[in-house]
C-alpha cells in the first residue's frame, strides 16, 4: 500500500492509500479524484491521466515509446516530470508519492 498525495492546480490536496497491484490512475478514479479522466480505462492510449511527478522515493518503469508519444499530445504542457498515471504501478516498495494534477486533461 502506498500513500499518494494528489495535488490539485488550486493547491488543495487529496491523500489516499492505494493498494499494491493498482496504479496511480486507478487510485484516483476509484476515489473520485477530480483531474484524472482515464478515458481509455488505463490502456495507455488517450493521455487523459497525465500527471507531474513531484516527489517519489522509488523509480518507476521508464517511459516507453508509446507513453513518450502520448505525452507529446497532452492537453496541458509536457514537462520533464510528466507521466501517464496509468503507467505508474503501485508496488510494495512505494510508500509515498506526490503528483501534481495538470490544469486540464482534455
PDB file of N, CA and C in Angstrom:
ATOM      1  N   UNK A   1       0.852  -1.176   0.000  1.00  0.00           N
ATOM      2  CA  UNK A   1       0.000   0.000   0.000  1.00  0.00           C
ATOM      3  C   UNK A   1       0.894   1.234   0.000  1.00  0.00           C
ATOM      4  N   UNK A   2       0.475   2.233  -0.764  1.00  0.00           N
ATOM      5  CA  UNK A   2       1.211   3.499  -0.835  1.00  0.00           C
ATOM      6  C   UNK A   2       0.267   4.647  -0.522  1.00  0.00           C
ATOM      7  N   UNK A   3       0.799   5.671   0.100  1.00  0.00           N
ATOM      8  CA  UNK A   3       0.054   6.886   0.343  1.00  0.00           C
ATOM      9  C   UNK A   3       0.365   7.848  -0.796  1.00  0.00           C
ATOM     10  N   UNK A   4      -0.656   8.193  -1.560  1.00  0.00           N
ATOM     11  CA  UNK A   4      -0.471   9.086  -2.702  1.00  0.00           C
ATOM     12  C   UNK A   4      -1.153  10.411  -2.408  1.00  0.00           C
ATOM     13  N   UNK A   5      -0.414  11.482  -2.600  1.00  0.00           N
ATOM     14  CA  UNK A   5      -0.966  12.824  -2.478  1.00  0.00           C
ATOM     15  C   UNK A   5      -1.188  13.353  -3.881  1.00  0.00           C
ATOM     16  N   UNK A   6      -2.433  13.618  -4.207  1.00  0.00           N
ATOM     17  CA  UNK A   6      -2.809  14.216  -5.492  1.00  0.00           C
ATOM     18  C   UNK A   6      -2.961  15.720  -5.226  1.00  0.00           C
ATOM     19  N   UNK A   7      -2.053  16.522  -5.770  1.00  0.00           N
ATOM     20  CA  UNK A   7      -2.092  17.967  -5.562  1.00  0.00           C
ATOM     21  C   UNK A   7      -2.825  18.603  -6.743  1.00  0.00           C
ATOM     22  N   UNK A   8      -3.923  19.278  -6.445  1.00  0.00           N
ATOM     23  CA  UNK A   8      -4.746  19.908  -7.468  1.00  0.00           C
ATOM     24  C   UNK A   8      -4.137  21.248  -7.892  1.00  0.00           C
ATOM     25  N   UNK A   9      -4.464  21.734  -9.084  1.00  0.00           N
ATOM     26  CA  UNK A   9      -3.897  23.004  -9.568  1.00  0.00           C
ATOM     27  C   UNK A   9      -4.152  24.190  -8.626  1.00  0.00           C
ATOM     28  N   UNK A  10      -5.232  24.138  -7.839  1.00  0.00           N
ATOM     29  CA  UNK A  10      -5.532  25.232  -6.907  1.00  0.00           C
ATOM     30  C   UNK A  10      -4.757  25.119  -5.595  1.00  0.00           C
ATOM     31  N   UNK A  11      -3.923  24.078  -5.456  1.00  0.00           N
ATOM     32  CA  UNK A  11      -3.114  23.895  -4.266  1.00  0.00           C
ATOM     33  C   UNK A  11      -3.718  22.948  -3.237  1.00  0.00           C
ATOM     34  N   UNK A  12      -4.993  22.624  -3.371  1.00  0.00           N
ATOM     35  CA  UNK A  12      -5.602  21.673  -2.445  1.00  0.00           C
ATOM     36  C   UNK A  12      -5.063  20.272  -2.736  1.00  0.00           C
ATOM     37  N   UNK A  13      -5.216  19.376  -1.773  1.00  0.00           N
ATOM     38  CA  UNK A  13      -4.692  18.027  -1.946  1.00  0.00           C
ATOM     39  C   UNK A  13      -5.745  16.982  -1.575  1.00  0.00           C
ATOM     40  N   UNK A  14      -5.600  15.822  -2.185  1.00  0.00           N
ATOM     41  CA  UNK A  14      -6.362  14.634  -1.818  1.00  0.00           C
ATOM     42  C   UNK A  14      -5.324  13.570  -1.503  1.00  0.00           C
ATOM     43  N   UNK A  15      -5.388  12.998  -0.310  1.00  0.00           N
ATOM     44  CA  UNK A  15      -4.424  11.992   0.113  1.00  0.00           C
ATOM     45  C   UNK A  15      -5.155  10.656   0.234  1.00  0.00           C
ATOM     46  N   UNK A  16      -4.611   9.650  -0.456  1.00  0.00           N
ATOM     47  CA  UNK A  16      -5.260   8.334  -0.492  1.00  0.00           C
ATOM     48  C   UNK A  16      -4.256   7.220  -0.240  1.00  0.00           C
ATOM     49  N   UNK A  17      -4.715   6.156   0.375  1.00  0.00           N
ATOM     50  CA  UNK A  17      -3.947   4.925   0.456  1.00  0.00           C
ATOM     51  C   UNK A  17      -4.386   4.056  -0.711  1.00  0.00           C
ATOM     52  N   UNK A  18      -3.436   3.707  -1.568  1.00  0.00           N
ATOM     53  CA  UNK A  18      -3.725   2.922  -2.768  1.00  0.00           C
ATOM     54  C   UNK A  18      -2.987   1.586  -2.654  1.00  0.00           C
ATOM     55  N   UNK A  19      -3.694   0.478  -2.840  1.00  0.00           N
ATOM     56  CA  UNK A  19      -3.072  -0.832  -2.642  1.00  0.00           C
ATOM     57  C   UNK A  19      -2.074  -1.209  -3.735  1.00  0.00           C
ATOM     58  N   UNK A  20      -1.097  -2.004  -3.342  1.00  0.00           N
ATOM     59  CA  UNK A  20      -0.150  -2.569  -4.302  1.00  0.00           C
ATOM     60  C   UNK A  20      -0.928  -3.362  -5.343  1.00  0.00           C
ATOM     61  N   UNK A  21      -0.435  -3.348  -6.560  1.00  0.00           N
ATOM     62  CA  UNK A  21      -1.115  -4.036  -7.653  1.00  0.00           C
ATOM     63  C   UNK A  21      -2.006  -3.102  -8.445  1.00  0.00           C
ATOM     64  N   UNK A  22      -2.282  -1.944  -7.909  1.00  0.00           N
ATOM     65  CA  UNK A  22      -3.074  -0.935  -8.620  1.00  0.00           C
ATOM     66  C   UNK A  22      -2.105   0.022  -9.303  1.00  0.00           C
ATOM     67  N   UNK A  23      -2.613   1.169  -9.748  1.00  0.00           N
ATOM     68  CA  UNK A  23      -1.727   2.199 -10.281  1.00  0.00           C
ATOM     69  C   UNK A  23      -2.264   3.566  -9.856  1.00  0.00           C
ATOM     70  N   UNK A  24      -1.510   4.587 -10.134  1.00  0.00           N
ATOM     71  CA  UNK A  24      -1.862   5.941  -9.694  1.00  0.00           C
ATOM     72  C   UNK A  24      -3.197   6.385 -10.279  1.00  0.00           C
ATOM     73  N   UNK A  25      -3.463   6.052 -11.535  1.00  0.00           N
ATOM     74  CA  UNK A  25      -4.728   6.420 -12.167  1.00  0.00           C
ATOM     75  C   UNK A  25      -5.908   5.713 -11.503  1.00  0.00           C
ATOM     76  N   UNK A  26      -5.806   4.407 -11.311  1.00  0.00           N
ATOM     77  CA  UNK A  26      -6.916   3.649 -10.708  1.00  0.00           C
ATOM     78  C   UNK A  26      -7.223   4.136  -9.298  1.00  0.00           C
ATOM     79  N   UNK A  27      -6.191   4.492  -8.548  1.00  0.00           N
ATOM     80  CA  UNK A  27      -6.407   5.033  -7.209  1.00  0.00           C
ATOM     81  C   UNK A  27      -7.242   6.297  -7.251  1.00  0.00           C
ATOM     82  N   UNK A  28      -6.942   7.167  -8.212  1.00  0.00           N
ATOM     83  CA  UNK A  28      -7.693   8.422  -8.352  1.00  0.00           C
ATOM     84  C   UNK A  28      -9.122   8.158  -8.797  1.00  0.00           C
ATOM     85  N   UNK A  29      -9.307   7.336  -9.815  1.00  0.00           N
ATOM     86  CA  UNK A  29     -10.644   7.077 -10.339  1.00  0.00           C
ATOM     87  C   UNK A  29     -11.532   6.374  -9.312  1.00  0.00           C
ATOM     88  N   UNK A  30     -10.980   5.427  -8.572  1.00  0.00           N
ATOM     89  CA  UNK A  30     -11.762   4.685  -7.593  1.00  0.00           C
ATOM     90  C   UNK A  30     -12.235   5.567  -6.442  1.00  0.00           C
ATOM     91  N   UNK A  31     -11.558   6.699  -6.262  1.00  0.00           N
ATOM     92  CA  UNK A  31     -11.887   7.575  -5.142  1.00  0.00           C
ATOM     93  C   UNK A  31     -12.421   8.931  -5.579  1.00  0.00           C
ATOM     94  N   UNK A  32     -12.788   9.063  -6.846  1.00  0.00           N
ATOM     95  CA  UNK A  32     -13.420  10.281  -7.339  1.00  0.00           C
ATOM     96  C   UNK A  32     -12.547  11.516  -7.338  1.00  0.00           C
ATOM     97  N   UNK A  33     -11.243  11.339  -7.537  1.00  0.00           N
ATOM     98  CA  UNK A  33     -10.338  12.486  -7.589  1.00  0.00           C
ATOM     99  C   UNK A  33     -10.551  13.238  -8.901  1.00  0.00           C
ATOM    100  N   UNK A  34     -10.936  14.507  -8.801  1.00  0.00           N
ATOM    101  CA  UNK A  34     -11.073  15.342  -9.999  1.00  0.00           C
ATOM    102  C   UNK A  34      -9.703  15.622 -10.577  1.00  0.00           C
ATOM    103  N   UNK A  35      -9.616  15.601 -11.906  1.00  0.00           N
ATOM    104  CA  UNK A  35      -8.364  15.954 -12.565  1.00  0.00           C
ATOM    105  C   UNK A  35      -7.712  14.820 -13.317  1.00  0.00           C
ATOM    106  N   UNK A  36      -8.196  13.609 -13.123  1.00  0.00           N
ATOM    107  CA  UNK A  36      -7.733  12.464 -13.903  1.00  0.00           C
ATOM    108  C   UNK A  36      -8.960  11.858 -14.556  1.00  0.00           C
ATOM    109  N   UNK A  37      -8.945  11.825 -15.878  1.00  0.00           N
ATOM    110  CA  UNK A  37     -10.095  11.319 -16.635  1.00  0.00           C
ATOM    111  C   UNK A  37      -9.995   9.815 -16.892  1.00  0.00           C
ATOM    112  N   UNK A  38      -8.869   9.361 -17.404  1.00  0.00           N
ATOM    113  CA  UNK A  38      -8.696   7.944 -17.692  1.00  0.00           C
ATOM    114  C   UNK A  38      -9.693   7.413 -18.696  1.00  0.00           C
ATOM    115  N   UNK A  39      -9.912   8.156 -19.770  1.00  0.00           N
ATOM    116  CA  UNK A  39     -10.934   7.781 -20.763  1.00  0.00           C
ATOM    117  C   UNK A  39     -10.732   6.398 -21.376  1.00  0.00           C
ATOM    118  N   UNK A  40      -9.486   5.947 -21.505  1.00  0.00           N
ATOM    119  CA  UNK A  40      -9.240   4.646 -22.127  1.00  0.00           C
ATOM    120  C   UNK A  40      -9.224   3.505 -21.111  1.00  0.00           C
ATOM    121  N   UNK A  41      -9.465   3.829 -19.845  1.00  0.00           N
ATOM    122  CA  UNK A  41      -9.501   2.796 -18.817  1.00  0.00           C
ATOM    123  C   UNK A  41      -8.138   2.282 -18.397  1.00  0.00           C
ATOM    124  N   UNK A  42      -7.097   2.997 -18.750  1.00  0.00           N
ATOM    125  CA  UNK A  42      -5.755   2.584 -18.351  1.00  0.00           C
ATOM    126  C   UNK A  42      -5.001   1.801 -19.391  1.00  0.00           C
ATOM    127  N   UNK A  43      -5.476   1.833 -20.626  1.00  0.00           N
ATOM    128  CA  UNK A  43      -4.804   1.109 -21.707  1.00  0.00           C
ATOM    129  C   UNK A  43      -3.635   1.877 -22.317  1.00  0.00           C
ATOM    130  N   UNK A  44      -3.379   3.088 -21.831  1.00  0.00           N
ATOM    131  CA  UNK A  44      -2.248   3.866 -22.329  1.00  0.00           C
ATOM    132  C   UNK A  44      -2.428   4.348 -23.753  1.00  0.00           C
ATOM    133  N   UNK A  45      -3.666   4.760 -24.101  1.00  0.00           N
ATOM    134  CA  UNK A  45      -3.895   5.218 -25.470  1.00  0.00           C
ATOM    135  C   UNK A  45      -4.574   6.580 -25.561  1.00  0.00           C
ATOM    136  N   UNK A  46      -4.829   7.242 -24.405  1.00  0.00           N
ATOM    137  CA  UNK A  46      -5.578   8.500 -24.505  1.00  0.00           C
ATOM    138  C   UNK A  46      -4.880   9.707 -23.879  1.00  0.00           C
ATOM    139  N   UNK A  47      -3.983   9.525 -22.948  1.00  0.00           N
ATOM    140  CA  UNK A  47      -3.245  10.598 -22.261  1.00  0.00           C
ATOM    141  C   UNK A  47      -4.118  11.492 -21.384  1.00  0.00           C
ATOM    142  N   UNK A  48      -5.304  11.021 -20.974  1.00  0.00           N
ATOM    143  CA  UNK A  48      -6.158  11.832 -20.099  1.00  0.00           C
ATOM    144  C   UNK A  48      -5.917  11.518 -18.623  1.00  0.00           C
ATOM    145  N   UNK A  49      -4.800  10.887 -18.340  1.00  0.00           N
ATOM    146  CA  UNK A  49      -4.407  10.628 -16.952  1.00  0.00           C
ATOM    147  C   UNK A  49      -3.025  11.222 -16.681  1.00  0.00           C
ATOM    148  N   UNK A  50      -2.670  12.213 -17.463  1.00  0.00           N
ATOM    149  CA  UNK A  50      -1.381  12.901 -17.366  1.00  0.00           C
ATOM    150  C   UNK A  50      -1.210  13.516 -15.981  1.00  0.00           C
ATOM    151  N   UNK A  51      -0.039  13.322 -15.376  1.00  0.00           N
ATOM    152  CA  UNK A  51       0.312  13.946 -14.096  1.00  0.00           C
ATOM    153  C   UNK A  51       1.762  14.400 -14.151  1.00  0.00           C
ATOM    154  N   UNK A  52       2.122  15.218 -13.174  1.00  0.00           N
ATOM    155  CA  UNK A  52       3.508  15.628 -12.977  1.00  0.00           C
ATOM    156  C   UNK A  52       3.983  15.003 -11.665  1.00  0.00           C
ATOM    157  N   UNK A  53       5.062  14.253 -11.711  1.00  0.00           N
ATOM    158  CA  UNK A  53       5.614  13.634 -10.510  1.00  0.00           C
ATOM    159  C   UNK A  53       6.344  14.713  -9.720  1.00  0.00           C
ATOM    160  N   UNK A  54       5.893  14.960  -8.489  1.00  0.00           N
ATOM    161  CA  UNK A  54       6.548  15.952  -7.642  1.00  0.00           C
ATOM    162  C   UNK A  54       7.556  15.305  -6.702  1.00  0.00           C
ATOM    163  N   UNK A  55       7.208  14.158  -6.174  1.00  0.00           N
ATOM    164  CA  UNK A  55       8.043  13.511  -5.177  1.00  0.00           C
ATOM    165  C   UNK A  55       7.829  12.019  -5.253  1.00  0.00           C
ATOM    166  N   UNK A  56       8.905  11.280  -5.429  1.00  0.00           N
ATOM    167  CA  UNK A  56       8.781   9.829  -5.500  1.00  0.00           C
ATOM    168  C   UNK A  56      10.055   9.196  -4.952  1.00  0.00           C
ATOM    169  N   UNK A  57       9.931   8.348  -3.932  1.00  0.00           N
ATOM    170  CA  UNK A  57      11.114   7.744  -3.323  1.00  0.00           C
ATOM    171  C   UNK A  57      11.682   6.548  -4.092  1.00  0.00           C
ATOM    172  N   UNK A  58      10.979   6.048  -5.098  1.00  0.00           N
ATOM    173  CA  UNK A  58      11.464   4.915  -5.891  1.00  0.00           C
ATOM    174  C   UNK A  58      11.340   5.245  -7.375  1.00  0.00           C
ATOM    175  N   UNK A  59      12.059   4.491  -8.177  1.00  0.00           N
ATOM    176  CA  UNK A  59      11.998   4.696  -9.625  1.00  0.00           C
ATOM    177  C   UNK A  59      10.834   3.903 -10.214  1.00  0.00           C
ATOM    178  N   UNK A  60      10.104   4.554 -11.092  1.00  0.00           N
ATOM    179  CA  UNK A  60       9.058   3.873 -11.847  1.00  0.00           C
ATOM    180  C   UNK A  60       9.674   3.286 -13.103  1.00  0.00           C
ATOM    181  N   UNK A  61       8.942   2.382 -13.783  1.00  0.00           N
ATOM    182  CA  UNK A  61       9.437   1.904 -15.071  1.00  0.00           C
ATOM    183  C   UNK A  61       9.682   3.096 -15.991  1.00  0.00           C
ATOM    184  N   UNK A  62      10.695   3.009 -16.845  1.00  0.00           N
ATOM    185  CA  UNK A  62      10.973   4.139 -17.745  1.00  0.00           C
ATOM    186  C   UNK A  62       9.824   4.367 -18.728  1.00  0.00           C
ATOM    187  N   UNK A  63       9.776   5.577 -19.253  1.00  0.00           N
ATOM    188  CA  UNK A  63       8.794   5.939 -20.273  1.00  0.00           C
ATOM    189  C   UNK A  63       9.107   5.130 -21.525  1.00  0.00           C
ATOM    190  N   UNK A  64       8.120   4.382 -22.011  1.00  0.00           N
ATOM    191  CA  UNK A  64       8.339   3.632 -23.251  1.00  0.00           C
ATOM    192  C   UNK A  64       7.965   4.501 -24.450  1.00  0.00           C
ATOM    193  N   UNK A  65       8.151   3.975 -25.637  1.00  0.00           N
ATOM    194  CA  UNK A  65       7.916   4.727 -26.870  1.00  0.00           C
ATOM    195  C   UNK A  65       6.473   5.217 -26.976  1.00  0.00           C
ATOM    196  N   UNK A  66       5.522   4.370 -26.629  1.00  0.00           N
ATOM    197  CA  UNK A  66       4.102   4.732 -26.698  1.00  0.00           C
ATOM    198  C   UNK A  66       3.773   5.873 -25.733  1.00  0.00           C
ATOM    199  N   UNK A  67       4.203   5.746 -24.473  1.00  0.00           N
ATOM    200  CA  UNK A  67       3.943   6.799 -23.491  1.00  0.00           C
ATOM    201  C   UNK A  67       4.622   8.100 -23.906  1.00  0.00           C
ATOM    202  N   UNK A  68       5.832   7.997 -24.412  1.00  0.00           N
ATOM    203  CA  UNK A  68       6.570   9.178 -24.857  1.00  0.00           C
ATOM    204  C   UNK A  68       5.791   9.933 -25.937  1.00  0.00           C
ATOM    205  N   UNK A  69       5.244   9.199 -26.880  1.00  0.00           N
ATOM    206  CA  UNK A  69       4.456   9.811 -27.949  1.00  0.00           C
ATOM    207  C   UNK A  69       3.182  10.464 -27.405  1.00  0.00           C
ATOM    208  N   UNK A  70       2.497   9.771 -26.493  1.00  0.00           N
ATOM    209  CA  UNK A  70       1.265  10.314 -25.915  1.00  0.00           C
ATOM    210  C   UNK A  70       1.535  11.563 -25.072  1.00  0.00           C
ATOM    211  N   UNK A  71       2.649  11.600 -24.374  1.00  0.00           N
ATOM    212  CA  UNK A  71       2.973  12.764 -23.554  1.00  0.00           C
ATOM    213  C   UNK A  71       3.194  14.017 -24.401  1.00  0.00           C
ATOM    214  N   UNK A  72       3.504  13.827 -25.668  1.00  0.00           N
ATOM    215  CA  UNK A  72       3.638  14.977 -26.571  1.00  0.00           C
ATOM    216  C   UNK A  72       2.281  15.521 -27.007  1.00  0.00           C
ATOM    217  N   UNK A  73       1.200  14.817 -26.676  1.00  0.00           N
ATOM    218  CA  UNK A  73      -0.149  15.198 -27.115  1.00  0.00           C
ATOM    219  C   UNK A  73      -1.073  15.527 -25.954  1.00  0.00           C
ATOM    220  N   UNK A  74      -0.551  15.797 -24.781  1.00  0.00           N
ATOM    221  CA  UNK A  74      -1.400  16.069 -23.623  1.00  0.00           C
ATOM    222  C   UNK A  74      -2.010  17.463 -23.712  1.00  0.00           C
ATOM    223  N   UNK A  75      -3.147  17.634 -23.040  1.00  0.00           N
ATOM    224  CA  UNK A  75      -3.857  18.919 -23.062  1.00  0.00           C
ATOM    225  C   UNK A  75      -3.080  20.002 -22.310  1.00  0.00           C
ATOM    226  N   UNK A  76      -2.379  19.612 -21.260  1.00  0.00           N
ATOM    227  CA  UNK A  76      -1.515  20.539 -20.526  1.00  0.00           C
ATOM    228  C   UNK A  76      -0.076  20.294 -20.964  1.00  0.00           C
ATOM    229  N   UNK A  77       0.779  21.290 -20.869  1.00  0.00           N
ATOM    230  CA  UNK A  77       2.142  21.147 -21.379  1.00  0.00           C
ATOM    231  C   UNK A  77       2.909  19.983 -20.766  1.00  0.00           C
ATOM    232  N   UNK A  78       3.676  19.315 -21.602  1.00  0.00           N
ATOM    233  CA  UNK A  78       4.564  18.259 -21.134  1.00  0.00           C
ATOM    234  C   UNK A  78       5.750  18.914 -20.433  1.00  0.00           C
ATOM    235  N   UNK A  79       6.172  18.285 -19.333  1.00  0.00           N
ATOM    236  CA  UNK A  79       7.352  18.724 -18.587  1.00  0.00           C
ATOM    237  C   UNK A  79       8.286  17.531 -18.417  1.00  0.00           C
ATOM    238  N   UNK A  80       9.468  17.799 -17.883  1.00  0.00           N
ATOM    239  CA  UNK A  80      10.425  16.717 -17.644  1.00  0.00           C
ATOM    240  C   UNK A  80       9.878  15.658 -16.691  1.00  0.00           C
ATOM    241  N   UNK A  81       8.965  16.061 -15.800  1.00  0.00           N
ATOM    242  CA  UNK A  81       8.414  15.129 -14.808  1.00  0.00           C
ATOM    243  C   UNK A  81       7.016  14.628 -15.185  1.00  0.00           C
ATOM    244  N   UNK A  82       6.622  14.783 -16.440  1.00  0.00           N
ATOM    245  CA  UNK A  82       5.315  14.301 -16.913  1.00  0.00           C
ATOM    246  C   UNK A  82       5.309  12.784 -17.035  1.00  0.00           C
ATOM    247  N   UNK A  83       4.194  12.183 -16.618  1.00  0.00           N
ATOM    248  CA  UNK A  83       3.962  10.764 -16.819  1.00  0.00           C
ATOM    249  C   UNK A  83       2.475  10.536 -17.005  1.00  0.00           C
ATOM    250  N   UNK A  84       2.126   9.386 -17.579  1.00  0.00           N
ATOM    251  CA  UNK A  84       0.735   8.934 -17.623  1.00  0.00           C
ATOM    252  C   UNK A  84       0.530   8.122 -16.354  1.00  0.00           C
ATOM    253  N   UNK A  85      -0.460   8.505 -15.551  1.00  0.00           N
ATOM    254  CA  UNK A  85      -0.634   7.847 -14.257  1.00  0.00           C
ATOM    255  C   UNK A  85      -1.043   6.379 -14.379  1.00  0.00           C
ATOM    256  N   UNK A  86      -1.574   5.982 -15.524  1.00  0.00           N
ATOM    257  CA  UNK A  86      -1.907   4.566 -15.732  1.00  0.00           C
ATOM    258  C   UNK A  86      -0.652   3.715 -15.895  1.00  0.00           C
ATOM    259  N   UNK A  87       0.479   4.351 -16.115  1.00  0.00           N
ATOM    260  CA  UNK A  87       1.742   3.648 -16.308  1.00  0.00           C
ATOM    261  C   UNK A  87       2.603   3.654 -15.046  1.00  0.00           C
ATOM    262  N   UNK A  88       2.015   4.076 -13.920  1.00  0.00           N
ATOM    263  CA  UNK A  88       2.746   4.175 -12.654  1.00  0.00           C
ATOM    264  C   UNK A  88       2.193   3.162 -11.658  1.00  0.00           C
ATOM    265  N   UNK A  89       2.797   1.967 -11.612  1.00  0.00           N
ATOM    266  CA  UNK A  89       2.274   0.907 -10.749  1.00  0.00           C
ATOM    267  C   UNK A  89       2.571   1.160  -9.272  1.00  0.00           C
ATOM    268  N   UNK A  90       1.630   0.732  -8.445  1.00  0.00           N
ATOM    269  CA  UNK A  90       1.822   0.764  -7.002  1.00  0.00           C
ATOM    270  C   UNK A  90       2.432  -0.578  -6.608  1.00  0.00           C
ATOM    271  N   UNK A  91       3.601  -0.526  -6.009  1.00  0.00           N
ATOM    272  CA  UNK A  91       4.298  -1.735  -5.576  1.00  0.00           C
ATOM    273  C   UNK A  91       4.569  -1.648  -4.075  1.00  0.00           C
ATOM    274  N   UNK A  92       5.012  -2.752  -3.508  1.00  0.00           N
ATOM    275  CA  UNK A  92       5.331  -2.777  -2.082  1.00  0.00           C
ATOM    276  C   UNK A  92       6.493  -1.845  -1.738  1.00  0.00           C
ATOM    277  N   UNK A  93       7.350  -1.554  -2.708  1.00  0.00           N
ATOM    278  CA  UNK A  93       8.497  -0.682  -2.468  1.00  0.00           C
ATOM    279  C   UNK A  93       8.096   0.794  -2.397  1.00  0.00           C
ATOM    280  N   UNK A  94       6.949   1.130  -2.952  1.00  0.00           N
ATOM    281  CA  UNK A  94       6.478   2.519  -2.978  1.00  0.00           C
ATOM    282  C   UNK A  94       5.665   2.806  -1.723  1.00  0.00           C
ATOM    283  N   UNK A  95       6.168   3.702  -0.898  1.00  0.00           N
ATOM    284  CA  UNK A  95       5.431   4.019   0.331  1.00  0.00           C
ATOM    285  C   UNK A  95       4.682   5.346   0.218  1.00  0.00           C
ATOM    286  N   UNK A  96       5.276   6.322  -0.468  1.00  0.00           N
ATOM    287  CA  UNK A  96       4.637   7.624  -0.636  1.00  0.00           C
ATOM    288  C   UNK A  96       4.906   8.149  -2.032  1.00  0.00           C
ATOM    289  N   UNK A  97       4.025   8.991  -2.498  1.00  0.00           N
ATOM    290  CA  UNK A  97       4.164   9.608  -3.812  1.00  0.00           C
ATOM    291  C   UNK A  97       3.352  10.890  -3.815  1.00  0.00           C
ATOM    292  N   UNK A  98       3.895  11.937  -4.424  1.00  0.00           N
ATOM    293  CA  UNK A  98       3.167  13.189  -4.597  1.00  0.00           C
ATOM    294  C   UNK A  98       3.119  13.479  -6.089  1.00  0.00           C
ATOM    295  N   UNK A  99       1.898  13.665  -6.613  1.00  0.00           N
ATOM    296  CA  UNK A  99       1.722  14.018  -8.019  1.00  0.00           C
ATOM    297  C   UNK A  99       0.917  15.307  -8.114  1.00  0.00           C
ATOM    298  N   UNK A 100       1.266  16.120  -9.086  1.00  0.00           N
ATOM    299  CA  UNK A 100       0.523  17.342  -9.368  1.00  0.00           C
ATOM    300  C   UNK A 100      -0.392  17.073 -10.547  1.00  0.00           C
ATOM    301  N   UNK A 101      -1.660  17.382 -10.377  1.00  0.00           N
ATOM    302  CA  UNK A 101      -2.632  17.223 -11.465  1.00  0.00           C
ATOM    303  C   UNK A 101      -2.539  18.448 -12.367  1.00  0.00           C
ATOM    304  N   UNK A 102      -2.545  18.259 -13.677  1.00  0.00           N
ATOM    305  CA  UNK A 102      -2.462  19.398 -14.590  1.00  0.00           C
ATOM    306  C   UNK A 102      -3.737  20.227 -14.608  1.00  0.00           C
ATOM    307  N   UNK A 103      -3.642  21.401 -15.191  1.00  0.00           N
ATOM    308  CA  UNK A 103      -4.785  22.297 -15.288  1.00  0.00           C
ATOM    309  C   UNK A 103      -5.960  21.658 -16.035  1.00  0.00           C
ATOM    310  N   UNK A 104      -5.657  20.895 -17.094  1.00  0.00           N
ATOM    311  CA  UNK A 104      -6.723  20.245 -17.865  1.00  0.00           C
ATOM    312  C   UNK A 104      -6.194  18.951 -18.461  1.00  0.00           C
ATOM    313  N   UNK A 105      -7.129  18.041 -18.764  1.00  0.00           N
ATOM    314  CA  UNK A 105      -6.787  16.755 -19.369  1.00  0.00           C
ATOM    315  C   UNK A 105      -7.286  16.654 -20.802  1.00  0.00           C
ATOM    316  N   UNK A 106      -8.390  17.290 -21.098  1.00  0.00           N
ATOM    317  CA  UNK A 106      -8.957  17.219 -22.449  1.00  0.00           C
ATOM    318  C   UNK A 106      -9.247  18.608 -22.982  1.00  0.00           C
TER     319      UNK A 106
END
